[in-house]
Amino acid sequence: MNILSGTVMHQIDEKFRVRIPSKFFPEGEEEAEDKSGKRFSLIVGPQGNINVYERDVLDKWLLKKYEEHEDSEDGLDSVRKIFSSVERVETDKQGRIVLPYNLRAYAKIKKEVVSIGMFDHFELWAKEKYEERDSVITYESAFKRIGYK
């Protein structure tokens, strides 16, 4: 598995397409000239962002969550709500995907986009929203929060 990390600032175009940064393509495909046909799944993120996974990675997570909660009405309601946000997309030759309206509206993405690598997926944020969240935490406090000495 390709571990995703780093930050990329870019824009959504007039057709609501956003370029998948090369560093977030499946391992071995980052440098391909034709980036068409790569399949990703988009899902709401828990902090007002969009999470982007390689399709099979998200499918495994979704199945696990369903199996963990299929015997609980509250759990099923929660899983159903989250699952209903999933959109499957495919890249064009330039490595762009169309951001569906429901996810753009949820994440409040209008023009400026920030992509953040998060291990097995990456996040898409509206630039203003990301900068607001990022401004309240320093690197020092982030390390402390995760127990790094």
N, C-alpha and C. Protein backbone atom coordinates (compact mmCIF):
# COMPACT_ATOMS: atom_id res chain seq x y z
N MET A 1 0.84 -1.18 0.00
CA MET A 1 0.00 0.00 0.00
C MET A 1 0.88 1.24 0.00
N ASN A 2 0.47 2.20 -0.78
CA ASN A 2 1.13 3.49 -0.86
C ASN A 2 0.67 4.34 0.32
N ILE A 3 1.60 4.79 1.17
CA ILE A 3 1.23 5.64 2.30
C ILE A 3 1.13 7.07 1.79
N LEU A 4 -0.04 7.66 1.96
CA LEU A 4 -0.30 9.00 1.44
C LEU A 4 -0.01 10.05 2.50
N SER A 5 0.75 11.08 2.11
CA SER A 5 1.09 12.16 3.03
C SER A 5 1.35 13.42 2.21
N GLY A 6 1.38 14.54 2.92
CA GLY A 6 1.68 15.80 2.27
C GLY A 6 0.43 16.63 2.01
N THR A 7 0.68 17.84 1.51
CA THR A 7 -0.38 18.81 1.26
C THR A 7 -0.23 19.37 -0.15
N VAL A 8 -1.34 19.50 -0.86
CA VAL A 8 -1.34 20.09 -2.19
C VAL A 8 -2.49 21.09 -2.24
N MET A 9 -2.18 22.30 -2.71
CA MET A 9 -3.21 23.32 -2.90
C MET A 9 -3.52 23.40 -4.39
N HIS A 10 -4.80 23.40 -4.73
CA HIS A 10 -5.20 23.49 -6.14
C HIS A 10 -6.61 24.03 -6.22
N GLN A 11 -7.22 23.97 -7.42
CA GLN A 11 -8.54 24.57 -7.63
C GLN A 11 -9.48 23.60 -8.32
N ILE A 12 -10.76 23.84 -8.09
CA ILE A 12 -11.80 23.13 -8.82
C ILE A 12 -12.08 23.97 -10.08
N ASP A 13 -12.34 23.32 -11.21
CA ASP A 13 -12.58 24.10 -12.43
C ASP A 13 -14.07 24.38 -12.63
N GLU A 14 -14.41 25.04 -13.73
CA GLU A 14 -15.79 25.46 -13.98
C GLU A 14 -16.74 24.28 -14.21
N LYS A 15 -16.17 23.08 -14.50
CA LYS A 15 -17.00 21.89 -14.68
C LYS A 15 -17.01 21.03 -13.41
N PHE A 16 -16.55 21.63 -12.30
CA PHE A 16 -16.52 20.97 -10.99
C PHE A 16 -15.56 19.78 -10.95
N ARG A 17 -14.49 19.88 -11.73
CA ARG A 17 -13.46 18.84 -11.72
C ARG A 17 -12.30 19.29 -10.84
N VAL A 18 -11.70 18.33 -10.18
CA VAL A 18 -10.51 18.59 -9.39
C VAL A 18 -9.47 17.54 -9.77
N ARG A 19 -8.25 18.00 -9.87
CA ARG A 19 -7.14 17.10 -10.24
C ARG A 19 -6.71 16.31 -9.01
N ILE A 20 -6.56 15.01 -9.20
CA ILE A 20 -6.00 14.17 -8.15
C ILE A 20 -4.49 14.39 -8.20
N PRO A 21 -3.89 14.89 -7.12
CA PRO A 21 -2.44 15.09 -7.15
C PRO A 21 -1.71 13.77 -7.43
N SER A 22 -0.67 13.84 -8.26
CA SER A 22 0.07 12.64 -8.65
C SER A 22 0.52 11.82 -7.45
N LYS A 23 0.94 12.50 -6.38
CA LYS A 23 1.42 11.78 -5.20
C LYS A 23 0.35 10.93 -4.55
N PHE A 24 -0.94 11.15 -4.88
CA PHE A 24 -2.03 10.39 -4.29
C PHE A 24 -2.59 9.31 -5.22
N PHE A 25 -1.92 9.10 -6.36
CA PHE A 25 -2.31 8.01 -7.25
C PHE A 25 -1.78 6.69 -6.70
N PRO A 26 -2.41 5.58 -7.09
CA PRO A 26 -1.91 4.28 -6.64
C PRO A 26 -0.43 4.12 -6.96
N GLU A 27 0.27 3.43 -6.09
CA GLU A 27 1.71 3.23 -6.22
C GLU A 27 2.06 2.68 -7.60
N GLY A 28 3.06 3.27 -8.23
CA GLY A 28 3.50 2.86 -9.55
C GLY A 28 2.79 3.58 -10.68
N GLU A 29 1.75 4.34 -10.36
CA GLU A 29 0.97 5.03 -11.40
C GLU A 29 1.10 6.54 -11.32
N GLU A 30 1.95 7.03 -10.40
CA GLU A 30 2.08 8.47 -10.20
C GLU A 30 2.60 9.19 -11.44
N GLU A 31 3.48 8.55 -12.18
CA GLU A 31 4.15 9.20 -13.31
C GLU A 31 3.51 8.91 -14.66
N ALA A 32 2.45 8.13 -14.69
CA ALA A 32 1.81 7.78 -15.97
C ALA A 32 1.32 9.03 -16.68
N GLU A 33 1.53 9.09 -18.00
CA GLU A 33 1.05 10.23 -18.79
C GLU A 33 -0.47 10.24 -18.87
N ASP A 34 -1.04 9.09 -19.18
CA ASP A 34 -2.50 8.97 -19.25
C ASP A 34 -2.99 8.47 -17.90
N LYS A 35 -3.66 9.33 -17.18
CA LYS A 35 -4.13 8.99 -15.83
C LYS A 35 -5.60 8.60 -15.82
N SER A 36 -6.14 8.24 -16.99
CA SER A 36 -7.57 7.92 -17.06
C SER A 36 -7.87 6.55 -16.47
N GLY A 37 -9.11 6.43 -16.02
CA GLY A 37 -9.63 5.14 -15.60
C GLY A 37 -9.27 4.70 -14.19
N LYS A 38 -8.66 5.56 -13.41
CA LYS A 38 -8.35 5.20 -12.02
C LYS A 38 -9.62 5.40 -11.21
N ARG A 39 -9.98 4.40 -10.43
CA ARG A 39 -11.25 4.41 -9.72
C ARG A 39 -11.06 4.78 -8.25
N PHE A 40 -11.77 5.80 -7.85
CA PHE A 40 -11.74 6.27 -6.47
C PHE A 40 -13.17 6.31 -5.92
N SER A 41 -13.27 6.25 -4.61
CA SER A 41 -14.54 6.43 -3.93
C SER A 41 -14.43 7.63 -3.02
N LEU A 42 -15.46 8.48 -3.06
CA LEU A 42 -15.52 9.67 -2.23
C LEU A 42 -16.57 9.43 -1.16
N ILE A 43 -16.30 9.93 0.04
CA ILE A 43 -17.23 9.77 1.15
C ILE A 43 -17.10 11.00 2.05
N VAL A 44 -18.20 11.40 2.69
CA VAL A 44 -18.10 12.53 3.60
C VAL A 44 -17.06 12.23 4.67
N GLY A 45 -16.34 13.27 5.08
CA GLY A 45 -15.40 13.13 6.18
C GLY A 45 -16.06 13.63 7.45
N PRO A 46 -15.58 13.21 8.60
CA PRO A 46 -16.23 13.56 9.86
C PRO A 46 -16.05 15.01 10.29
N GLN A 47 -15.22 15.79 9.59
CA GLN A 47 -14.94 17.16 10.00
C GLN A 47 -15.33 18.18 8.91
N GLY A 48 -16.27 17.80 8.05
CA GLY A 48 -16.72 18.72 7.01
C GLY A 48 -15.85 18.70 5.77
N ASN A 49 -15.13 17.64 5.57
CA ASN A 49 -14.26 17.47 4.41
C ASN A 49 -14.77 16.28 3.59
N ILE A 50 -14.08 15.97 2.51
CA ILE A 50 -14.36 14.79 1.70
C ILE A 50 -13.17 13.86 1.81
N ASN A 51 -13.41 12.59 2.12
CA ASN A 51 -12.35 11.60 2.13
C ASN A 51 -12.35 10.88 0.78
N VAL A 52 -11.15 10.67 0.23
CA VAL A 52 -10.99 10.01 -1.07
C VAL A 52 -10.14 8.76 -0.88
N TYR A 53 -10.70 7.62 -1.27
CA TYR A 53 -10.03 6.33 -1.13
C TYR A 53 -9.91 5.66 -2.49
N GLU A 54 -8.88 4.81 -2.62
CA GLU A 54 -8.91 3.87 -3.73
C GLU A 54 -10.14 3.02 -3.47
N ARG A 55 -10.84 2.66 -4.51
CA ARG A 55 -12.15 2.03 -4.35
C ARG A 55 -12.12 0.78 -3.47
N ASP A 56 -11.16 -0.10 -3.68
CA ASP A 56 -11.16 -1.34 -2.89
C ASP A 56 -10.85 -1.10 -1.41
N VAL A 57 -10.08 -0.06 -1.10
CA VAL A 57 -9.77 0.26 0.29
C VAL A 57 -11.04 0.68 1.02
N LEU A 58 -11.83 1.55 0.41
CA LEU A 58 -13.07 1.99 1.05
C LEU A 58 -14.07 0.84 1.12
N ASP A 59 -14.16 0.03 0.09
CA ASP A 59 -15.11 -1.09 0.09
C ASP A 59 -14.85 -2.02 1.27
N LYS A 60 -13.59 -2.30 1.57
CA LYS A 60 -13.25 -3.16 2.71
C LYS A 60 -13.67 -2.51 4.02
N TRP A 61 -13.45 -1.22 4.14
CA TRP A 61 -13.83 -0.50 5.36
C TRP A 61 -15.34 -0.49 5.52
N LEU A 62 -16.06 -0.22 4.43
CA LEU A 62 -17.52 -0.19 4.48
C LEU A 62 -18.09 -1.54 4.91
N LEU A 63 -17.57 -2.61 4.35
CA LEU A 63 -18.04 -3.95 4.71
C LEU A 63 -17.78 -4.22 6.19
N LYS A 64 -16.60 -3.85 6.67
CA LYS A 64 -16.26 -4.06 8.09
C LYS A 64 -17.23 -3.29 8.99
N LYS A 65 -17.51 -2.03 8.66
CA LYS A 65 -18.42 -1.22 9.48
C LYS A 65 -19.84 -1.79 9.45
N TYR A 66 -20.26 -2.26 8.30
CA TYR A 66 -21.59 -2.87 8.21
C TYR A 66 -21.67 -4.11 9.11
N GLU A 67 -20.68 -4.98 9.00
CA GLU A 67 -20.68 -6.21 9.81
C GLU A 67 -20.62 -5.91 11.30
N GLU A 68 -19.90 -4.86 11.69
CA GLU A 68 -19.79 -4.49 13.10
C GLU A 68 -21.11 -3.97 13.67
N HIS A 69 -21.96 -3.41 12.81
CA HIS A 69 -23.15 -2.72 13.31
C HIS A 69 -24.48 -3.26 12.78
N GLU A 70 -24.46 -4.38 12.06
CA GLU A 70 -25.68 -4.87 11.44
C GLU A 70 -26.73 -5.34 12.44
N ASP A 71 -26.35 -5.61 13.69
CA ASP A 71 -27.29 -6.07 14.70
C ASP A 71 -27.84 -4.96 15.59
N SER A 72 -27.49 -3.72 15.29
CA SER A 72 -27.91 -2.59 16.11
C SER A 72 -28.68 -1.60 15.24
N GLU A 73 -29.89 -1.24 15.67
CA GLU A 73 -30.67 -0.28 14.89
C GLU A 73 -29.96 1.07 14.79
N ASP A 74 -29.41 1.55 15.92
CA ASP A 74 -28.66 2.82 15.89
C ASP A 74 -27.44 2.70 15.00
N GLY A 75 -26.75 1.56 15.11
CA GLY A 75 -25.58 1.34 14.28
C GLY A 75 -25.93 1.31 12.80
N LEU A 76 -27.01 0.62 12.46
CA LEU A 76 -27.44 0.56 11.07
C LEU A 76 -27.85 1.93 10.55
N ASP A 77 -28.54 2.71 11.38
CA ASP A 77 -28.91 4.07 10.97
C ASP A 77 -27.66 4.90 10.67
N SER A 78 -26.65 4.77 11.52
CA SER A 78 -25.41 5.53 11.33
C SER A 78 -24.67 5.06 10.08
N VAL A 79 -24.56 3.75 9.92
CA VAL A 79 -23.89 3.19 8.75
C VAL A 79 -24.63 3.61 7.48
N ARG A 80 -25.94 3.55 7.50
CA ARG A 80 -26.75 3.93 6.33
C ARG A 80 -26.51 5.39 5.97
N LYS A 81 -26.50 6.25 6.97
CA LYS A 81 -26.28 7.69 6.73
C LYS A 81 -24.92 7.91 6.06
N ILE A 82 -23.90 7.29 6.59
CA ILE A 82 -22.53 7.45 6.04
C ILE A 82 -22.44 6.83 4.65
N PHE A 83 -22.97 5.61 4.48
CA PHE A 83 -22.90 4.92 3.19
C PHE A 83 -23.60 5.70 2.10
N SER A 84 -24.68 6.41 2.47
CA SER A 84 -25.45 7.12 1.45
C SER A 84 -24.66 8.26 0.81
N SER A 85 -23.56 8.65 1.44
CA SER A 85 -22.75 9.73 0.89
C SER A 85 -21.71 9.25 -0.13
N VAL A 86 -21.51 7.96 -0.24
CA VAL A 86 -20.44 7.42 -1.09
C VAL A 86 -20.75 7.68 -2.57
N GLU A 87 -19.75 8.23 -3.24
CA GLU A 87 -19.83 8.46 -4.69
C GLU A 87 -18.60 7.81 -5.32
N ARG A 88 -18.83 7.05 -6.37
CA ARG A 88 -17.73 6.39 -7.08
C ARG A 88 -17.40 7.21 -8.32
N VAL A 89 -16.11 7.48 -8.50
CA VAL A 89 -15.68 8.32 -9.62
C VAL A 89 -14.51 7.67 -10.33
N GLU A 90 -14.25 8.15 -11.53
CA GLU A 90 -13.14 7.65 -12.34
C GLU A 90 -12.41 8.84 -12.94
N THR A 91 -11.10 8.75 -13.00
CA THR A 91 -10.31 9.86 -13.52
C THR A 91 -10.35 9.95 -15.03
N ASP A 92 -10.19 11.19 -15.53
CA ASP A 92 -10.03 11.40 -16.97
C ASP A 92 -8.53 11.34 -17.30
N LYS A 93 -8.16 11.64 -18.54
CA LYS A 93 -6.75 11.53 -18.96
C LYS A 93 -5.81 12.42 -18.16
N GLN A 94 -6.31 13.57 -17.69
CA GLN A 94 -5.48 14.48 -16.90
C GLN A 94 -5.50 14.15 -15.41
N GLY A 95 -6.17 13.08 -15.04
CA GLY A 95 -6.21 12.68 -13.64
C GLY A 95 -7.20 13.49 -12.82
N ARG A 96 -8.26 13.99 -13.46
CA ARG A 96 -9.28 14.78 -12.77
C ARG A 96 -10.52 13.93 -12.51
N ILE A 97 -11.22 14.29 -11.45
CA ILE A 97 -12.52 13.69 -11.15
C ILE A 97 -13.54 14.81 -11.02
N VAL A 98 -14.78 14.50 -11.25
CA VAL A 98 -15.86 15.45 -11.03
C VAL A 98 -16.32 15.29 -9.58
N LEU A 99 -16.38 16.41 -8.85
CA LEU A 99 -16.89 16.38 -7.49
C LEU A 99 -18.41 16.52 -7.52
N PRO A 100 -19.14 15.51 -7.10
CA PRO A 100 -20.60 15.59 -7.11
C PRO A 100 -21.11 16.73 -6.22
N TYR A 101 -22.25 17.27 -6.61
CA TYR A 101 -22.82 18.42 -5.91
C TYR A 101 -22.99 18.17 -4.42
N ASN A 102 -23.54 17.01 -4.04
CA ASN A 102 -23.82 16.76 -2.62
C ASN A 102 -22.55 16.82 -1.78
N LEU A 103 -21.45 16.34 -2.30
CA LEU A 103 -20.19 16.37 -1.54
C LEU A 103 -19.57 17.76 -1.56
N ARG A 104 -19.64 18.44 -2.70
CA ARG A 104 -19.14 19.83 -2.75
C ARG A 104 -19.88 20.70 -1.75
N ALA A 105 -21.20 20.55 -1.70
CA ALA A 105 -22.02 21.35 -0.78
C ALA A 105 -21.67 21.01 0.67
N TYR A 106 -21.53 19.73 0.99
CA TYR A 106 -21.20 19.30 2.34
C TYR A 106 -19.87 19.91 2.80
N ALA A 107 -18.87 19.86 1.91
CA ALA A 107 -17.53 20.35 2.25
C ALA A 107 -17.36 21.84 2.00
N LYS A 108 -18.40 22.48 1.45
CA LYS A 108 -18.37 23.92 1.14
C LYS A 108 -17.22 24.30 0.19
N ILE A 109 -16.94 23.39 -0.74
CA ILE A 109 -15.88 23.64 -1.73
C ILE A 109 -16.47 24.45 -2.87
N LYS A 110 -15.85 25.61 -3.10
CA LYS A 110 -16.29 26.47 -4.20
C LYS A 110 -15.21 26.60 -5.27
N LYS A 111 -13.99 26.95 -4.90
CA LYS A 111 -12.92 27.14 -5.88
C LYS A 111 -11.59 26.56 -5.39
N GLU A 112 -11.09 27.08 -4.28
CA GLU A 112 -9.79 26.66 -3.75
C GLU A 112 -9.93 25.37 -2.96
N VAL A 113 -9.05 24.40 -3.25
CA VAL A 113 -9.10 23.08 -2.63
C VAL A 113 -7.73 22.75 -2.03
N VAL A 114 -7.75 22.13 -0.86
CA VAL A 114 -6.53 21.62 -0.23
C VAL A 114 -6.67 20.11 -0.12
N SER A 115 -5.68 19.37 -0.62
CA SER A 115 -5.64 17.92 -0.50
C SER A 115 -4.59 17.55 0.54
N ILE A 116 -4.98 16.72 1.49
CA ILE A 116 -4.10 16.32 2.58
C ILE A 116 -4.00 14.79 2.60
N GLY A 117 -2.78 14.24 2.50
CA GLY A 117 -2.58 12.80 2.60
C GLY A 117 -2.79 12.33 4.02
N MET A 118 -3.57 11.24 4.19
CA MET A 118 -3.89 10.71 5.51
C MET A 118 -3.73 9.18 5.56
N PHE A 119 -2.53 8.71 5.28
CA PHE A 119 -2.14 7.30 5.33
C PHE A 119 -2.76 6.48 4.20
N ASP A 120 -4.00 6.00 4.36
CA ASP A 120 -4.58 5.13 3.34
C ASP A 120 -5.60 5.85 2.46
N HIS A 121 -5.76 7.16 2.67
CA HIS A 121 -6.67 7.97 1.87
C HIS A 121 -6.17 9.41 1.89
N PHE A 122 -6.84 10.26 1.15
CA PHE A 122 -6.54 11.68 1.28
C PHE A 122 -7.83 12.45 1.43
N GLU A 123 -7.70 13.64 1.97
CA GLU A 123 -8.85 14.48 2.26
C GLU A 123 -8.87 15.67 1.30
N LEU A 124 -10.08 16.07 0.91
CA LEU A 124 -10.28 17.30 0.16
C LEU A 124 -10.99 18.28 1.09
N TRP A 125 -10.43 19.48 1.18
CA TRP A 125 -10.97 20.52 2.03
C TRP A 125 -11.18 21.80 1.23
N ALA A 126 -12.21 22.56 1.57
CA ALA A 126 -12.31 23.93 1.11
C ALA A 126 -11.15 24.66 1.77
N LYS A 127 -10.41 25.45 1.01
CA LYS A 127 -9.21 26.11 1.53
C LYS A 127 -9.50 26.89 2.81
N GLU A 128 -10.56 27.67 2.82
CA GLU A 128 -10.89 28.50 3.98
C GLU A 128 -11.16 27.64 5.21
N LYS A 129 -11.89 26.56 5.01
CA LYS A 129 -12.24 25.66 6.12
C LYS A 129 -10.98 24.98 6.67
N TYR A 130 -10.10 24.52 5.76
CA TYR A 130 -8.87 23.88 6.20
C TYR A 130 -7.99 24.86 6.98
N GLU A 131 -7.82 26.06 6.44
CA GLU A 131 -6.97 27.05 7.11
C GLU A 131 -7.51 27.41 8.49
N GLU A 132 -8.82 27.46 8.62
CA GLU A 132 -9.43 27.75 9.92
C GLU A 132 -9.12 26.64 10.93
N ARG A 133 -9.29 25.40 10.53
CA ARG A 133 -8.99 24.27 11.44
C ARG A 133 -7.49 24.19 11.74
N ASP A 134 -6.68 24.38 10.72
CA ASP A 134 -5.23 24.25 10.87
C ASP A 134 -4.65 25.36 11.75
N SER A 135 -5.28 26.52 11.77
CA SER A 135 -4.73 27.66 12.51
C SER A 135 -4.83 27.50 14.02
N VAL A 136 -5.65 26.59 14.50
CA VAL A 136 -5.85 26.44 15.95
C VAL A 136 -4.92 25.40 16.57
N ILE A 137 -4.04 24.82 15.78
CA ILE A 137 -3.12 23.81 16.31
C ILE A 137 -1.71 24.06 15.78
N THR A 138 -0.75 23.98 16.68
CA THR A 138 0.65 24.12 16.29
C THR A 138 1.26 22.73 16.13
N TYR A 139 2.41 22.67 15.49
CA TYR A 139 3.10 21.37 15.40
C TYR A 139 3.43 20.85 16.79
N GLU A 140 3.86 21.74 17.67
CA GLU A 140 4.21 21.34 19.04
C GLU A 140 3.02 20.69 19.74
N SER A 141 1.85 21.35 19.67
CA SER A 141 0.69 20.78 20.35
C SER A 141 0.20 19.51 19.65
N ALA A 142 0.35 19.43 18.35
CA ALA A 142 -0.05 18.22 17.62
C ALA A 142 0.78 17.03 18.08
N PHE A 143 2.10 17.21 18.21
CA PHE A 143 2.94 16.13 18.69
C PHE A 143 2.56 15.72 20.10
N LYS A 144 2.28 16.68 20.96
CA LYS A 144 1.88 16.37 22.33
C LYS A 144 0.58 15.58 22.36
N ARG A 145 -0.38 15.98 21.55
CA ARG A 145 -1.68 15.31 21.52
C ARG A 145 -1.58 13.84 21.13
N ILE A 146 -0.63 13.51 20.27
CA ILE A 146 -0.52 12.11 19.85
C ILE A 146 0.52 11.35 20.67
N GLY A 147 1.03 11.97 21.73
CA GLY A 147 1.93 11.28 22.64
C GLY A 147 3.37 11.17 22.20
N TYR A 148 3.80 12.04 21.29
CA TYR A 148 5.19 12.04 20.83
C TYR A 148 6.02 12.85 21.80
N LYS A 149 7.15 12.31 22.19
CA LYS A 149 8.01 13.00 23.17
C LYS A 149 9.11 13.77 22.49
